[in-house]
Amino acid sequence: MKAATMEELTRGKKQAFRLLSLLKDLLSSPENQLAAELLVDVVGCFTRALSYLELEREETTDQPPRPVPDADFRPCSDERRTYPYSCRTILSTTIEDGHIWRKYGQKDIYGTKHSRSYYRCIHKHDRGCRVTRHVQKTEEDDSVFAITYIGEHTCIHKSRDEEVISNHSTGSSSTLQRPLFTDLAPLTTEGSSPASLMADSVSRHGGSLGMEFDSGVFKLDDWLAPTEDE
């Protein structure tokens, strides 16, 4: 039953992308912005539903992900924790987002032709930044990635705080330098409708589609499928 459900959801998602491709010119006009937003939500519903089913399946399987060598790998704690982490998914034609990530796992996903890669922020240990993400090419377009972020970067704020303390202690009056990493770029561009951003992706131009979904509070362990170093 679950396999049939996933098959129907996958088919619905593909059809939604086909509809998006057919209507991209029409949806680019400002008067059709509501229709564009509704179509974005439809695609998002299919994406999240498939993710939830896949996560449920992962809880009942013993198949581990293919490990990726990590110089500072340490055994993971057995303690399970629940945090009010935010979770959002975007569609983008690039996996670059201005941050540096360390890949720690990769696994094949049932019912899909592309594997999923798992990343953590490179500042997990030195600045305590626990944000993670997983990346997977979409079934409909190999040039588009579905990227799910779990948590938010805290390394940016800590870097700024440390610099303020350093300048204060040395009595420096110089202007603070810009941080090495910038916050994740806005998912929508001011003055641009969601439809125009989606049309860019369908046409295989660079940039993010601006599709973001918030699933609120959830168990961290339910999303971190591979065993990651603590």
Protein backbone atom coordinates (compact mmCIF):
# COMPACT_ATOMS: atom_id res chain seq x y z
CA MET A 1 0.00 0.00 0.00
CA LYS A 2 2.80 2.40 0.91
CA ALA A 3 4.61 1.70 -2.37
CA ALA A 4 1.43 2.44 -4.32
CA THR A 5 0.96 5.66 -2.36
CA MET A 6 4.49 6.80 -3.14
CA GLU A 7 3.99 5.92 -6.79
CA GLU A 8 0.84 8.04 -7.01
CA LEU A 9 2.45 10.96 -5.18
CA THR A 10 5.48 10.81 -7.47
CA ARG A 11 3.19 10.79 -10.50
CA GLY A 12 1.27 13.77 -9.13
CA LYS A 13 4.49 15.69 -8.55
CA LYS A 14 5.67 15.02 -12.10
CA GLN A 15 2.33 16.18 -13.49
CA ALA A 16 2.53 19.36 -11.43
CA PHE A 17 5.96 20.09 -12.90
CA ARG A 18 4.60 19.45 -16.39
CA LEU A 19 1.77 21.88 -15.73
CA LEU A 20 4.28 24.42 -14.48
CA SER A 21 6.28 24.06 -17.69
CA LEU A 22 3.18 24.51 -19.86
CA LEU A 23 1.93 27.56 -17.97
CA LYS A 24 5.23 29.27 -17.21
CA ASP A 25 4.62 32.18 -19.61
CA LEU A 26 1.05 32.72 -18.43
CA LEU A 27 2.00 32.55 -14.74
CA SER A 28 4.76 35.12 -15.17
CA SER A 29 2.25 37.98 -15.42
CA PRO A 30 1.48 39.90 -12.18
CA GLU A 31 -2.28 39.33 -12.44
CA ASN A 32 -1.73 35.57 -12.22
CA GLN A 33 0.48 35.68 -9.13
CA LEU A 34 -2.13 33.93 -6.96
CA ALA A 35 -2.32 31.03 -9.42
CA ALA A 36 1.48 30.80 -9.39
CA GLU A 37 1.56 30.68 -5.60
CA LEU A 38 -1.08 27.95 -5.56
CA LEU A 39 0.95 25.86 -8.00
CA VAL A 40 4.05 26.35 -5.84
CA ASP A 41 2.07 25.06 -2.86
CA VAL A 42 0.86 22.02 -4.82
CA VAL A 43 4.42 21.04 -5.75
CA GLY A 44 5.48 21.64 -2.15
CA CYS A 45 2.74 19.36 -0.82
CA PHE A 46 3.87 16.51 -3.06
CA THR A 47 7.52 17.07 -2.09
CA ARG A 48 6.81 17.03 1.64
CA ALA A 49 4.47 14.05 1.46
CA LEU A 50 7.11 11.98 -0.35
CA SER A 51 9.74 13.07 2.18
CA TYR A 52 7.57 12.05 5.13
CA LEU A 53 6.90 8.61 3.64
CA GLU A 54 10.58 8.12 2.91
CA LEU A 55 11.55 9.12 6.45
CA GLU A 56 9.03 6.66 7.87
CA ARG A 57 10.49 3.93 5.67
CA GLU A 58 14.02 4.75 6.85
CA GLU A 59 12.99 4.16 10.46
CA THR A 60 12.16 0.53 9.67
CA THR A 61 15.20 -0.39 7.59
CA ASP A 62 18.65 -1.47 8.69
CA GLN A 63 20.40 -0.35 5.52
CA PRO A 64 23.07 2.18 6.53
CA PRO A 65 24.16 5.02 4.26
CA ARG A 66 27.47 4.86 2.43
CA PRO A 67 29.94 6.58 4.78
CA VAL A 68 32.08 9.48 3.64
CA PRO A 69 35.57 9.76 5.23
CA ASP A 70 35.71 12.49 7.86
CA ALA A 71 38.96 13.36 9.56
CA ASP A 72 37.32 14.38 12.82
CA PHE A 73 34.77 11.53 12.97
CA ARG A 74 33.76 10.39 16.43
CA PRO A 75 31.13 7.85 17.50
CA CYS A 76 27.67 9.34 17.83
CA SER A 77 26.05 9.57 21.25
CA ASP A 78 23.17 7.18 21.92
CA GLU A 79 21.17 9.93 23.56
CA ARG A 80 18.15 10.97 21.49
CA ARG A 81 17.16 14.61 21.69
CA THR A 82 14.20 16.63 20.53
CA TYR A 83 14.68 20.27 19.50
CA PRO A 84 12.33 22.91 18.09
CA TYR A 85 14.36 22.97 14.87
CA SER A 86 13.03 24.69 11.78
CA CYS A 87 12.87 22.75 8.55
CA ARG A 88 12.55 24.20 5.07
CA THR A 89 12.92 22.87 1.55
CA ILE A 90 13.90 24.86 -1.53
CA LEU A 91 14.35 23.99 -5.18
CA SER A 92 17.49 25.42 -6.75
CA THR A 93 19.67 24.98 -9.82
CA THR A 94 22.80 25.16 -7.64
CA ILE A 95 23.81 23.68 -4.29
CA GLU A 96 26.00 26.68 -3.47
CA ASP A 97 24.47 28.96 -0.83
CA GLY A 98 27.39 30.98 0.54
CA HIS A 99 28.21 28.54 3.36
CA ILE A 100 30.84 25.80 3.62
CA TRP A 101 29.51 22.28 4.23
CA ARG A 102 31.10 18.92 5.05
CA LYS A 103 29.52 15.89 3.40
CA TYR A 104 29.07 13.04 5.88
CA GLY A 105 26.79 10.55 4.16
CA GLN A 106 25.02 9.43 1.01
CA LYS A 107 22.33 6.83 0.42
CA ASP A 108 20.00 5.52 -2.25
CA ILE A 109 16.35 6.47 -1.77
CA TYR A 110 13.61 3.98 -2.51
CA GLY A 111 11.60 4.82 -5.63
CA THR A 112 13.99 7.50 -6.90
CA LYS A 113 16.81 7.41 -9.43
CA HIS A 114 19.06 9.87 -7.60
CA SER A 115 20.86 9.31 -4.32
CA ARG A 116 20.56 11.78 -1.43
CA SER A 117 23.63 13.47 0.06
CA TYR A 118 23.87 14.66 3.67
CA TYR A 119 25.88 17.67 4.85
CA ARG A 120 26.65 19.51 8.08
CA CYS A 121 28.06 22.98 8.63
CA ILE A 122 31.86 22.93 8.75
CA HIS A 123 31.69 24.98 11.97
CA LYS A 124 29.84 22.32 13.96
CA HIS A 125 32.73 21.64 16.34
CA ASP A 126 34.56 24.97 16.56
CA ARG A 127 31.45 27.19 16.80
CA GLY A 128 28.74 24.73 17.72
CA CYS A 129 26.72 25.29 14.54
CA ARG A 130 24.42 22.25 14.24
CA VAL A 131 22.57 23.10 11.03
CA THR A 132 22.43 20.27 8.47
CA ARG A 133 21.01 19.80 5.01
CA HIS A 134 20.32 17.00 2.56
CA VAL A 135 20.50 17.43 -1.20
CA GLN A 136 18.92 15.38 -3.97
CA LYS A 137 18.35 15.96 -7.68
CA THR A 138 14.68 16.13 -8.63
CA GLU A 139 13.18 13.33 -10.67
CA GLU A 140 11.70 15.74 -13.19
CA ASP A 141 14.80 17.80 -13.96
CA ASP A 142 18.39 16.71 -13.28
CA SER A 143 19.49 20.35 -13.23
CA VAL A 144 17.24 21.18 -10.25
CA PHE A 145 18.10 20.19 -6.67
CA ALA A 146 15.69 19.72 -3.77
CA ILE A 147 17.58 21.02 -0.72
CA THR A 148 16.21 20.57 2.79
CA TYR A 149 17.73 22.65 5.59
CA ILE A 150 17.33 21.48 9.19
CA GLY A 151 18.02 24.22 11.71
CA GLU A 152 19.62 27.62 11.19
CA HIS A 153 23.24 28.75 11.05
CA THR A 154 24.53 30.05 14.39
CA CYS A 155 28.18 30.34 13.32
CA ILE A 156 27.54 33.71 11.65
CA HIS A 157 26.27 35.37 14.81
CA LYS A 158 29.03 33.89 16.96
CA SER A 159 31.65 35.16 14.55
CA ARG A 160 30.25 38.69 14.82
CA ASP A 161 30.02 38.52 18.63
CA GLU A 162 33.61 37.31 18.94
CA GLU A 163 34.80 40.16 16.74
CA VAL A 164 32.95 42.75 18.82
CA ILE A 165 34.49 41.37 22.03
CA SER A 166 37.95 41.34 20.44
CA ASN A 167 37.70 44.94 19.28
CA HIS A 168 36.38 46.07 22.66
CA SER A 169 39.18 44.37 24.60
CA THR A 170 41.91 45.87 22.40
CA GLY A 171 40.32 49.31 22.30
CA SER A 172 40.21 49.23 18.53
CA SER A 173 37.98 51.80 16.86
CA SER A 174 38.27 50.31 13.41
CA THR A 175 35.17 49.31 11.49
CA LEU A 176 34.20 45.66 11.87
CA GLN A 177 35.16 43.52 8.94
CA ARG A 178 32.45 41.80 6.99
CA PRO A 179 31.94 38.14 8.03
CA LEU A 180 33.50 35.50 5.84
CA PHE A 181 30.15 33.80 5.29
CA THR A 182 26.89 35.56 4.59
CA ASP A 183 23.39 34.45 5.54
CA LEU A 184 21.50 32.30 3.10
CA ALA A 185 20.37 34.43 0.18
CA PRO A 186 16.67 35.40 0.16
CA LEU A 187 14.56 32.78 -1.54
CA THR A 188 12.55 35.35 -3.46
CA THR A 189 13.64 38.50 -5.23
CA GLU A 190 11.85 41.74 -4.41
CA GLY A 191 9.60 42.74 -7.27
CA SER A 192 9.70 39.26 -8.81
CA SER A 193 6.71 36.97 -8.69
CA PRO A 194 7.10 33.29 -7.70
CA ALA A 195 6.02 32.41 -11.22
CA SER A 196 8.90 34.26 -12.84
CA LEU A 197 11.37 32.54 -10.53
CA MET A 198 9.86 29.15 -11.32
CA ALA A 199 9.94 29.89 -15.03
CA ASP A 200 13.67 30.59 -14.78
CA SER A 201 14.25 27.11 -13.36
CA VAL A 202 12.13 25.39 -15.96
CA SER A 203 14.20 27.19 -18.59
CA ARG A 204 17.31 25.92 -16.76
CA HIS A 205 18.64 29.32 -15.82
CA GLY A 206 20.64 29.71 -12.63
CA GLY A 207 19.22 30.71 -9.28
CA SER A 208 16.76 29.55 -6.67
CA LEU A 209 13.12 28.88 -7.36
CA GLY A 210 12.12 30.57 -4.14
CA MET A 211 10.02 27.62 -2.99
CA GLU A 212 10.18 27.31 0.80
CA PHE A 213 8.16 25.14 3.15
CA ASP A 214 8.20 25.25 6.95
CA SER A 215 7.27 22.08 8.81
CA GLY A 216 7.70 23.55 12.32
CA VAL A 217 8.79 21.49 15.32
CA PHE A 218 9.97 17.94 14.74
CA LYS A 219 12.36 15.30 16.06
CA LEU A 220 15.91 15.89 14.92
CA ASP A 221 16.63 12.15 14.84
CA ASP A 222 13.76 11.55 12.42
CA TRP A 223 15.52 13.67 9.79
CA LEU A 224 19.18 12.82 10.32
CA ALA A 225 19.04 9.44 8.58
CA PRO A 226 22.80 8.75 8.40
CA THR A 227 24.83 8.47 11.60
CA GLU A 228 26.82 11.68 11.87
CA ASP A 229 29.71 12.62 14.12
CA GLU A 230 28.80 14.53 17.27
